[in-house]
Amino acid sequence: MRRVRGIKAIATPTLSLADVHRVTTEIRGRTVDVFIFDHHRSAFALWCLAAARLGRPLTLVTLDRHFDLQPPRAAAPDHRSPLEALDLFARHRLAPSNDDHIRAAMEAGALCDGLFIARSHQPADFDALQDWTDPHGRAHRCLSARTVAERRSACDAFVEASQDIALDLDLDCFTTRSDGHPDEVLAWDRERIDAFLRPPGSDAFWSAVLERTRVATLAREPFHCGGFAQGARLWLDFAEVFFERLLGVPQP
């Protein structure tokens, strides 16, 4: 174990997933694993791992540009399966478009309900935002908003009714398509990221979320964020806002 600027960076044989970086930090006085990776579907195995260790499913609070609520094409394994099997399922059976990992995790028993803060959507996604029952007969509550500030009362009530939270962020949430060149992705700077994550009046929401957070997953998604170089710059701006300004801890 080595200490990096006040955050413990742990390498352990119990977590041997390729391209997944794990750091631990304190969030509201509780030690929490933060997993950092590229492809969002990698979160599936990590949510399963966290739920298996906790002994119950988590509520998802996710910030993304998209809702990512497509049903998986293959039946998801139980969340208590070996980690390597869960990771193989995520890599090879979930969609490369990274849009079906959430429902797969709900079907696997890792997630119960979800709050989806998604800036944009496809029209068909609205049907997926209704509460639904998975193939195992488990009911799942789903609530959506476009920003942290939207539907504040409903979001606050949703979080207050939750017990254990998996906090999830996809960095493409902090990008915009160019008006002049639709194929060009424009990454936000840290002040715009901060304004979106921490709008005025959001302190109570974040306090309630962070008090309940048991695991955090951060998807860098460089191919959705303008490529590796631009994605790396976006990560640096995001990391300052997320770790230092929101969590109040040093960057890893």
C-alpha atoms as a PDB file:
ATOM      1  CA  MET A   1       0.000   0.000   0.000  1.00  0.00           C
ATOM      2  CA  ARG A   2       1.286   3.477  -0.794  1.00  0.00           C
ATOM      3  CA  ARG A   3      -0.047   6.876   0.151  1.00  0.00           C
ATOM      4  CA  VAL A   4      -0.550   9.432  -2.595  1.00  0.00           C
ATOM      5  CA  ARG A   5      -1.162  12.978  -1.375  1.00  0.00           C
ATOM      6  CA  GLY A   6      -3.391  11.815   1.431  1.00  0.00           C
ATOM      7  CA  ILE A   7      -5.340   9.227  -0.570  1.00  0.00           C
ATOM      8  CA  LYS A   8      -4.483   5.564  -0.203  1.00  0.00           C
ATOM      9  CA  ALA A   9      -3.772   3.872  -3.529  1.00  0.00           C
ATOM     10  CA  ILE A  10      -4.206   0.132  -3.098  1.00  0.00           C
ATOM     11  CA  ALA A  11      -3.035  -2.695  -5.307  1.00  0.00           C
ATOM     12  CA  THR A  12      -4.499  -5.975  -4.117  1.00  0.00           C
ATOM     13  CA  PRO A  13      -4.862  -9.460  -5.615  1.00  0.00           C
ATOM     14  CA  THR A  14      -8.569  -9.369  -4.786  1.00  0.00           C
ATOM     15  CA  LEU A  15      -9.010  -6.758  -7.533  1.00  0.00           C
ATOM     16  CA  SER A  16      -7.044  -7.733 -10.622  1.00  0.00           C
ATOM     17  CA  LEU A  17      -9.144  -6.199 -13.393  1.00  0.00           C
ATOM     18  CA  ALA A  18      -7.257  -4.813 -16.357  1.00  0.00           C
ATOM     19  CA  ASP A  19      -7.563  -1.052 -16.876  1.00  0.00           C
ATOM     20  CA  VAL A  20      -9.345  -0.465 -13.559  1.00  0.00           C
ATOM     21  CA  HIS A  21      -7.616   1.850 -11.086  1.00  0.00           C
ATOM     22  CA  ARG A  22      -8.689   1.715  -7.464  1.00  0.00           C
ATOM     23  CA  VAL A  23      -8.103   4.368  -4.835  1.00  0.00           C
ATOM     24  CA  THR A  24      -9.612   4.665  -1.382  1.00  0.00           C
ATOM     25  CA  THR A  25     -10.523   7.887   0.285  1.00  0.00           C
ATOM     26  CA  GLU A  26     -12.712   9.157   3.089  1.00  0.00           C
ATOM     27  CA  ILE A  27     -16.111  10.519   2.199  1.00  0.00           C
ATOM     28  CA  ARG A  28     -18.001  11.969   5.135  1.00  0.00           C
ATOM     29  CA  GLY A  29     -15.810  10.029   7.557  1.00  0.00           C
ATOM     30  CA  ARG A  30     -16.274   6.684   5.792  1.00  0.00           C
ATOM     31  CA  THR A  31     -13.621   4.858   3.780  1.00  0.00           C
ATOM     32  CA  VAL A  32     -14.896   4.439   0.219  1.00  0.00           C
ATOM     33  CA  ASP A  33     -13.451   2.722  -2.839  1.00  0.00           C
ATOM     34  CA  VAL A  34     -13.249   4.913  -5.943  1.00  0.00           C
ATOM     35  CA  PHE A  35     -12.773   3.000  -9.199  1.00  0.00           C
ATOM     36  CA  ILE A  36     -11.487   4.769 -12.316  1.00  0.00           C
ATOM     37  CA  PHE A  37     -11.647   3.147 -15.753  1.00  0.00           C
ATOM     38  CA  ASP A  38     -12.285   3.932 -19.414  1.00  0.00           C
ATOM     39  CA  HIS A  39     -15.328   1.978 -20.619  1.00  0.00           C
ATOM     40  CA  HIS A  40     -18.511   2.567 -18.663  1.00  0.00           C
ATOM     41  CA  ARG A  41     -19.645  -1.040 -18.862  1.00  0.00           C
ATOM     42  CA  SER A  42     -16.731  -1.942 -16.550  1.00  0.00           C
ATOM     43  CA  ALA A  43     -18.862  -0.483 -13.751  1.00  0.00           C
ATOM     44  CA  PHE A  44     -21.074  -3.587 -13.900  1.00  0.00           C
ATOM     45  CA  ALA A  45     -18.503  -5.847 -12.199  1.00  0.00           C
ATOM     46  CA  LEU A  46     -17.587  -3.150  -9.671  1.00  0.00           C
ATOM     47  CA  TRP A  47     -21.188  -2.569  -8.600  1.00  0.00           C
ATOM     48  CA  CYS A  48     -21.598  -6.335  -8.250  1.00  0.00           C
ATOM     49  CA  LEU A  49     -18.446  -6.512  -6.124  1.00  0.00           C
ATOM     50  CA  ALA A  50     -19.654  -3.701  -3.856  1.00  0.00           C
ATOM     51  CA  ALA A  51     -23.130  -5.221  -3.432  1.00  0.00           C
ATOM     52  CA  ALA A  52     -21.691  -8.666  -2.653  1.00  0.00           C
ATOM     53  CA  ARG A  53     -19.424  -7.197   0.021  1.00  0.00           C
ATOM     54  CA  LEU A  54     -22.237  -5.107   1.479  1.00  0.00           C
ATOM     55  CA  GLY A  55     -24.714  -7.974   1.421  1.00  0.00           C
ATOM     56  CA  ARG A  56     -27.489  -5.974  -0.262  1.00  0.00           C
ATOM     57  CA  PRO A  57     -28.061  -4.029  -3.491  1.00  0.00           C
ATOM     58  CA  LEU A  58     -27.154  -0.379  -3.847  1.00  0.00           C
ATOM     59  CA  THR A  59     -29.089   2.579  -5.178  1.00  0.00           C
ATOM     60  CA  LEU A  60     -27.431   4.129  -8.225  1.00  0.00           C
ATOM     61  CA  VAL A  61     -26.937   7.886  -8.498  1.00  0.00           C
ATOM     62  CA  THR A  62     -25.420   8.466 -11.922  1.00  0.00           C
ATOM     63  CA  LEU A  63     -24.451  11.597 -13.850  1.00  0.00           C
ATOM     64  CA  ASP A  64     -24.049  11.064 -17.586  1.00  0.00           C
ATOM     65  CA  ARG A  65     -24.817  12.585 -20.951  1.00  0.00           C
ATOM     66  CA  HIS A  66     -27.075   9.601 -21.719  1.00  0.00           C
ATOM     67  CA  PHE A  67     -29.491   7.442 -19.740  1.00  0.00           C
ATOM     68  CA  ASP A  68     -27.768   4.100 -20.615  1.00  0.00           C
ATOM     69  CA  LEU A  69     -30.910   2.113 -19.860  1.00  0.00           C
ATOM     70  CA  GLN A  70     -31.066  -0.357 -22.704  1.00  0.00           C
ATOM     71  CA  PRO A  71     -31.860  -3.966 -21.676  1.00  0.00           C
ATOM     72  CA  PRO A  72     -28.911  -6.380 -21.915  1.00  0.00           C
ATOM     73  CA  ARG A  73     -28.968  -8.870 -24.760  1.00  0.00           C
ATOM     74  CA  ALA A  74     -27.595 -11.676 -22.565  1.00  0.00           C
ATOM     75  CA  ALA A  75     -28.818 -12.766 -19.129  1.00  0.00           C
ATOM     76  CA  ALA A  76     -26.651 -11.211 -16.426  1.00  0.00           C
ATOM     77  CA  PRO A  77     -24.857 -13.481 -13.940  1.00  0.00           C
ATOM     78  CA  ASP A  78     -25.650 -13.217 -10.248  1.00  0.00           C
ATOM     79  CA  HIS A  79     -23.762 -10.379  -8.572  1.00  0.00           C
ATOM     80  CA  ARG A  80     -22.136 -12.870  -6.178  1.00  0.00           C
ATOM     81  CA  SER A  81     -20.358 -14.643  -9.042  1.00  0.00           C
ATOM     82  CA  PRO A  82     -16.529 -14.565  -9.115  1.00  0.00           C
ATOM     83  CA  LEU A  83     -15.196 -11.143 -10.028  1.00  0.00           C
ATOM     84  CA  GLU A  84     -13.346 -12.434 -13.083  1.00  0.00           C
ATOM     85  CA  ALA A  85     -16.591 -13.936 -14.459  1.00  0.00           C
ATOM     86  CA  LEU A  86     -18.430 -10.658 -13.891  1.00  0.00           C
ATOM     87  CA  ASP A  87     -15.668  -8.744 -15.648  1.00  0.00           C
ATOM     88  CA  LEU A  88     -15.682 -11.129 -18.620  1.00  0.00           C
ATOM     89  CA  PHE A  89     -19.445 -10.710 -18.920  1.00  0.00           C
ATOM     90  CA  ALA A  90     -19.075  -6.915 -18.907  1.00  0.00           C
ATOM     91  CA  ARG A  91     -16.308  -6.929 -21.510  1.00  0.00           C
ATOM     92  CA  HIS A  92     -17.685  -9.508 -23.928  1.00  0.00           C
ATOM     93  CA  ARG A  93     -21.466  -9.783 -23.417  1.00  0.00           C
ATOM     94  CA  LEU A  94     -22.498  -6.199 -22.697  1.00  0.00           C
ATOM     95  CA  ALA A  95     -22.809  -3.749 -25.572  1.00  0.00           C
ATOM     96  CA  PRO A  96     -19.702  -1.894 -26.819  1.00  0.00           C
ATOM     97  CA  SER A  97     -21.954   1.172 -26.947  1.00  0.00           C
ATOM     98  CA  ASN A  98     -21.907   1.105 -23.122  1.00  0.00           C
ATOM     99  CA  ASP A  99     -25.649   1.559 -22.710  1.00  0.00           C
ATOM    100  CA  ASP A 100     -26.944  -1.654 -21.085  1.00  0.00           C
ATOM    101  CA  HIS A 101     -24.721  -2.092 -18.006  1.00  0.00           C
ATOM    102  CA  ILE A 102     -27.196  -0.466 -15.597  1.00  0.00           C
ATOM    103  CA  ARG A 103     -30.106  -2.765 -16.327  1.00  0.00           C
ATOM    104  CA  ALA A 104     -27.706  -5.709 -16.346  1.00  0.00           C
ATOM    105  CA  ALA A 105     -26.574  -4.754 -12.835  1.00  0.00           C
ATOM    106  CA  MET A 106     -30.182  -4.467 -11.697  1.00  0.00           C
ATOM    107  CA  GLU A 107     -30.958  -7.895 -13.150  1.00  0.00           C
ATOM    108  CA  ALA A 108     -27.828  -9.262 -11.430  1.00  0.00           C
ATOM    109  CA  GLY A 109     -29.088  -8.032  -8.045  1.00  0.00           C
ATOM    110  CA  ALA A 110     -26.337  -5.428  -7.592  1.00  0.00           C
ATOM    111  CA  LEU A 111     -28.543  -2.336  -7.991  1.00  0.00           C
ATOM    112  CA  CYS A 112     -32.060  -1.777  -6.723  1.00  0.00           C
ATOM    113  CA  ASP A 113     -33.151   1.710  -7.803  1.00  0.00           C
ATOM    114  CA  GLY A 114     -31.648   4.559  -9.804  1.00  0.00           C
ATOM    115  CA  LEU A 115     -31.496   8.335  -9.989  1.00  0.00           C
ATOM    116  CA  PHE A 116     -30.406   9.298 -13.508  1.00  0.00           C
ATOM    117  CA  ILE A 117     -29.074  12.815 -14.038  1.00  0.00           C
ATOM    118  CA  ALA A 118     -28.584  12.810 -17.808  1.00  0.00           C
ATOM    119  CA  ARG A 119     -28.078  15.905 -19.943  1.00  0.00           C
ATOM    120  CA  SER A 120     -29.343  14.456 -23.202  1.00  0.00           C
ATOM    121  CA  HIS A 121     -31.323  11.465 -24.354  1.00  0.00           C
ATOM    122  CA  GLN A 122     -32.792   9.560 -27.237  1.00  0.00           C
ATOM    123  CA  PRO A 123     -36.599   9.716 -27.409  1.00  0.00           C
ATOM    124  CA  ALA A 124     -36.892   5.952 -26.915  1.00  0.00           C
ATOM    125  CA  ASP A 125     -35.135   6.279 -23.568  1.00  0.00           C
ATOM    126  CA  PHE A 126     -38.217   7.853 -21.991  1.00  0.00           C
ATOM    127  CA  ASP A 127     -39.953   4.482 -21.938  1.00  0.00           C
ATOM    128  CA  ALA A 128     -37.014   3.062 -19.978  1.00  0.00           C
ATOM    129  CA  LEU A 129     -37.299   5.754 -17.321  1.00  0.00           C
ATOM    130  CA  GLN A 130     -40.461   4.321 -15.839  1.00  0.00           C
ATOM    131  CA  ASP A 131     -40.304   2.112 -12.762  1.00  0.00           C
ATOM    132  CA  TRP A 132     -39.965  -1.450 -14.010  1.00  0.00           C
ATOM    133  CA  THR A 133     -39.770  -5.059 -12.872  1.00  0.00           C
ATOM    134  CA  ASP A 134     -36.791  -7.174 -13.899  1.00  0.00           C
ATOM    135  CA  PRO A 135     -36.990 -10.794 -15.152  1.00  0.00           C
ATOM    136  CA  HIS A 136     -36.563 -12.032 -11.558  1.00  0.00           C
ATOM    137  CA  GLY A 137     -39.653 -10.163 -10.385  1.00  0.00           C
ATOM    138  CA  ARG A 138     -37.771  -7.407  -8.538  1.00  0.00           C
ATOM    139  CA  ALA A 139     -39.239  -3.905  -8.814  1.00  0.00           C
ATOM    140  CA  HIS A 140     -36.922  -0.949  -9.490  1.00  0.00           C
ATOM    141  CA  ARG A 141     -37.670   2.734  -8.948  1.00  0.00           C
ATOM    142  CA  CYS A 142     -36.265   5.077 -11.590  1.00  0.00           C
ATOM    143  CA  LEU A 143     -36.119   8.882 -11.388  1.00  0.00           C
ATOM    144  CA  SER A 144     -34.581  11.192 -13.976  1.00  0.00           C
ATOM    145  CA  ALA A 145     -33.431  14.804 -14.188  1.00  0.00           C
ATOM    146  CA  ARG A 146     -31.354  16.722 -16.720  1.00  0.00           C
ATOM    147  CA  THR A 147     -29.257  18.612 -14.152  1.00  0.00           C
ATOM    148  CA  VAL A 148     -28.422  18.457 -10.471  1.00  0.00           C
ATOM    149  CA  ALA A 149     -30.691  21.480  -9.955  1.00  0.00           C
ATOM    150  CA  GLU A 150     -33.713  20.092 -11.842  1.00  0.00           C
ATOM    151  CA  ARG A 151     -36.520  18.352  -9.919  1.00  0.00           C
ATOM    152  CA  ARG A 152     -34.675  19.140  -6.705  1.00  0.00           C
ATOM    153  CA  SER A 153     -37.451  18.159  -4.291  1.00  0.00           C
ATOM    154  CA  ALA A 154     -38.023  14.817  -5.991  1.00  0.00           C
ATOM    155  CA  CYS A 155     -34.286  14.083  -6.148  1.00  0.00           C
ATOM    156  CA  ASP A 156     -33.801  15.025  -2.493  1.00  0.00           C
ATOM    157  CA  ALA A 157     -36.668  12.753  -1.454  1.00  0.00           C
ATOM    158  CA  PHE A 158     -35.293   9.899  -3.585  1.00  0.00           C
ATOM    159  CA  VAL A 159     -31.869  10.147  -1.947  1.00  0.00           C
ATOM    160  CA  GLU A 160     -33.287  10.484   1.556  1.00  0.00           C
ATOM    161  CA  ALA A 161     -35.222   7.236   1.023  1.00  0.00           C
ATOM    162  CA  SER A 162     -32.063   5.415  -0.107  1.00  0.00           C
ATOM    163  CA  GLN A 163     -29.778   3.436   2.180  1.00  0.00           C
ATOM    164  CA  ASP A 164     -26.551   2.667   0.285  1.00  0.00           C
ATOM    165  CA  ILE A 165     -25.504   4.557  -2.840  1.00  0.00           C
ATOM    166  CA  ALA A 166     -23.224   3.751  -5.750  1.00  0.00           C
ATOM    167  CA  LEU A 167     -22.146   7.167  -7.037  1.00  0.00           C
ATOM    168  CA  ASP A 168     -21.357   6.990 -10.756  1.00  0.00           C
ATOM    169  CA  LEU A 169     -20.080   9.623 -13.188  1.00  0.00           C
ATOM    170  CA  ASP A 170     -19.378   9.351 -16.901  1.00  0.00           C
ATOM    171  CA  LEU A 171     -17.039  12.121 -18.027  1.00  0.00           C
ATOM    172  CA  ASP A 172     -18.886  12.567 -21.303  1.00  0.00           C
ATOM    173  CA  CYS A 173     -21.460  14.339 -19.140  1.00  0.00           C
ATOM    174  CA  PHE A 174     -19.023  17.261 -19.280  1.00  0.00           C
ATOM    175  CA  THR A 175     -18.767  17.537 -23.069  1.00  0.00           C
ATOM    176  CA  THR A 176     -20.788  19.222 -25.796  1.00  0.00           C
ATOM    177  CA  ARG A 177     -21.006  18.556 -29.521  1.00  0.00           C
ATOM    178  CA  SER A 178     -19.738  21.440 -31.657  1.00  0.00           C
ATOM    179  CA  ASP A 179     -22.462  23.353 -33.509  1.00  0.00           C
ATOM    180  CA  GLY A 180     -20.169  23.944 -36.473  1.00  0.00           C
ATOM    181  CA  HIS A 181     -18.645  20.466 -36.593  1.00  0.00           C
ATOM    182  CA  PRO A 182     -21.097  17.853 -35.212  1.00  0.00           C
ATOM    183  CA  ASP A 183     -18.393  15.191 -35.093  1.00  0.00           C
ATOM    184  CA  GLU A 184     -16.196  17.360 -32.858  1.00  0.00           C
ATOM    185  CA  VAL A 185     -16.502  16.963 -29.090  1.00  0.00           C
ATOM    186  CA  LEU A 186     -15.842  20.016 -26.932  1.00  0.00           C
ATOM    187  CA  ALA A 187     -14.704  19.303 -23.376  1.00  0.00           C
ATOM    188  CA  TRP A 188     -15.784  21.642 -20.600  1.00  0.00           C
ATOM    189  CA  ASP A 189     -13.340  23.550 -18.405  1.00  0.00           C
ATOM    190  CA  ARG A 190     -13.275  23.112 -14.646  1.00  0.00           C
ATOM    191  CA  GLU A 191     -15.480  26.127 -13.892  1.00  0.00           C
ATOM    192  CA  ARG A 192     -18.270  24.882 -16.140  1.00  0.00           C
ATOM    193  CA  ILE A 193     -17.921  21.391 -14.629  1.00  0.00           C
ATOM    194  CA  ASP A 194     -18.128  22.946 -11.182  1.00  0.00           C
ATOM    195  CA  ALA A 195     -21.229  24.958 -12.105  1.00  0.00           C
ATOM    196  CA  PHE A 196     -22.967  21.799 -13.305  1.00  0.00           C
ATOM    197  CA  LEU A 197     -21.922  19.593 -10.373  1.00  0.00           C
ATOM    198  CA  ARG A 198     -22.367  22.162  -7.617  1.00  0.00           C
ATOM    199  CA  PRO A 199     -25.085  24.648  -8.603  1.00  0.00           C
ATOM    200  CA  PRO A 200     -26.386  27.022  -5.930  1.00  0.00           C
ATOM    201  CA  GLY A 201     -28.625  25.221  -3.471  1.00  0.00           C
ATOM    202  CA  SER A 202     -27.219  21.738  -4.135  1.00  0.00           C
ATOM    203  CA  ASP A 203     -25.347  21.391  -0.820  1.00  0.00           C
ATOM    204  CA  ALA A 204     -28.148  19.455   0.876  1.00  0.00           C
ATOM    205  CA  PHE A 205     -28.452  17.072  -2.065  1.00  0.00           C
ATOM    206  CA  TRP A 206     -24.733  16.316  -2.164  1.00  0.00           C
ATOM    207  CA  SER A 207     -24.507  16.007   1.605  1.00  0.00           C
ATOM    208  CA  ALA A 208     -27.231  13.347   1.578  1.00  0.00           C
ATOM    209  CA  VAL A 209     -25.682  11.528  -1.406  1.00  0.00           C
ATOM    210  CA  LEU A 210     -22.159  11.483   0.004  1.00  0.00           C
ATOM    211  CA  GLU A 211     -23.307  10.352   3.448  1.00  0.00           C
ATOM    212  CA  ARG A 212     -24.778   7.257   1.780  1.00  0.00           C
ATOM    213  CA  THR A 213     -22.063   6.606  -0.825  1.00  0.00           C
ATOM    214  CA  ARG A 214     -20.442   3.189  -0.418  1.00  0.00           C
ATOM    215  CA  VAL A 215     -18.617   3.011  -3.767  1.00  0.00           C
ATOM    216  CA  ALA A 216     -17.844   5.487  -6.555  1.00  0.00           C
ATOM    217  CA  THR A 217     -17.257   4.633 -10.215  1.00  0.00           C
ATOM    218  CA  LEU A 218     -15.721   7.122 -12.657  1.00  0.00           C
ATOM    219  CA  ALA A 219     -15.809   6.305 -16.383  1.00  0.00           C
ATOM    220  CA  ARG A 220     -13.366   8.371 -18.438  1.00  0.00           C
ATOM    221  CA  GLU A 221     -14.770   7.254 -21.833  1.00  0.00           C
ATOM    222  CA  PRO A 222     -12.011   8.885 -23.934  1.00  0.00           C
ATOM    223  CA  PHE A 223     -13.647   7.907 -27.240  1.00  0.00           C
ATOM    224  CA  HIS A 224     -16.771   9.839 -26.213  1.00  0.00           C
ATOM    225  CA  CYS A 225     -14.753  12.783 -24.885  1.00  0.00           C
ATOM    226  CA  GLY A 226     -12.769  13.794 -27.958  1.00  0.00           C
ATOM    227  CA  GLY A 227      -9.957  11.223 -27.858  1.00  0.00           C
ATOM    228  CA  PHE A 228      -7.147  10.350 -25.477  1.00  0.00           C
ATOM    229  CA  ALA A 229      -5.430  13.750 -25.338  1.00  0.00           C
ATOM    230  CA  GLN A 230      -8.602  15.782 -24.846  1.00  0.00           C
ATOM    231  CA  GLY A 231      -9.991  13.121 -22.508  1.00  0.00           C
ATOM    232  CA  ALA A 232      -6.849  13.378 -20.370  1.00  0.00           C
ATOM    233  CA  ARG A 233      -7.224  17.152 -20.109  1.00  0.00           C
ATOM    234  CA  LEU A 234     -10.882  16.737 -19.194  1.00  0.00           C
ATOM    235  CA  TRP A 235      -9.933  14.250 -16.478  1.00  0.00           C
ATOM    236  CA  LEU A 236      -7.543  16.755 -14.886  1.00  0.00           C
ATOM    237  CA  ASP A 237     -10.201  19.468 -14.766  1.00  0.00           C
ATOM    238  CA  PHE A 238     -12.869  17.051 -13.559  1.00  0.00           C
ATOM    239  CA  ALA A 239     -10.602  15.547 -10.881  1.00  0.00           C
ATOM    240  CA  GLU A 240      -9.972  18.932  -9.309  1.00  0.00           C
ATOM    241  CA  VAL A 241     -13.694  19.665  -9.101  1.00  0.00           C
ATOM    242  CA  PHE A 242     -14.794  16.198  -8.000  1.00  0.00           C
ATOM    243  CA  PHE A 243     -12.114  15.339  -5.469  1.00  0.00           C
ATOM    244  CA  GLU A 244     -11.029  18.709  -4.127  1.00  0.00           C
ATOM    245  CA  ARG A 245     -14.147  20.839  -4.369  1.00  0.00           C
ATOM    246  CA  LEU A 246     -16.936  18.264  -3.973  1.00  0.00           C
ATOM    247  CA  LEU A 247     -15.369  15.562  -1.798  1.00  0.00           C
ATOM    248  CA  GLY A 248     -12.897  17.866  -0.045  1.00  0.00           C
ATOM    249  CA  VAL A 249      -9.934  15.485  -0.474  1.00  0.00           C
ATOM    250  CA  PRO A 250      -6.717  15.669  -2.528  1.00  0.00           C
ATOM    251  CA  GLN A 251      -6.698  14.388  -6.073  1.00  0.00           C
ATOM    252  CA  PRO A 252      -5.287  10.880  -6.526  1.00  0.00           C
END
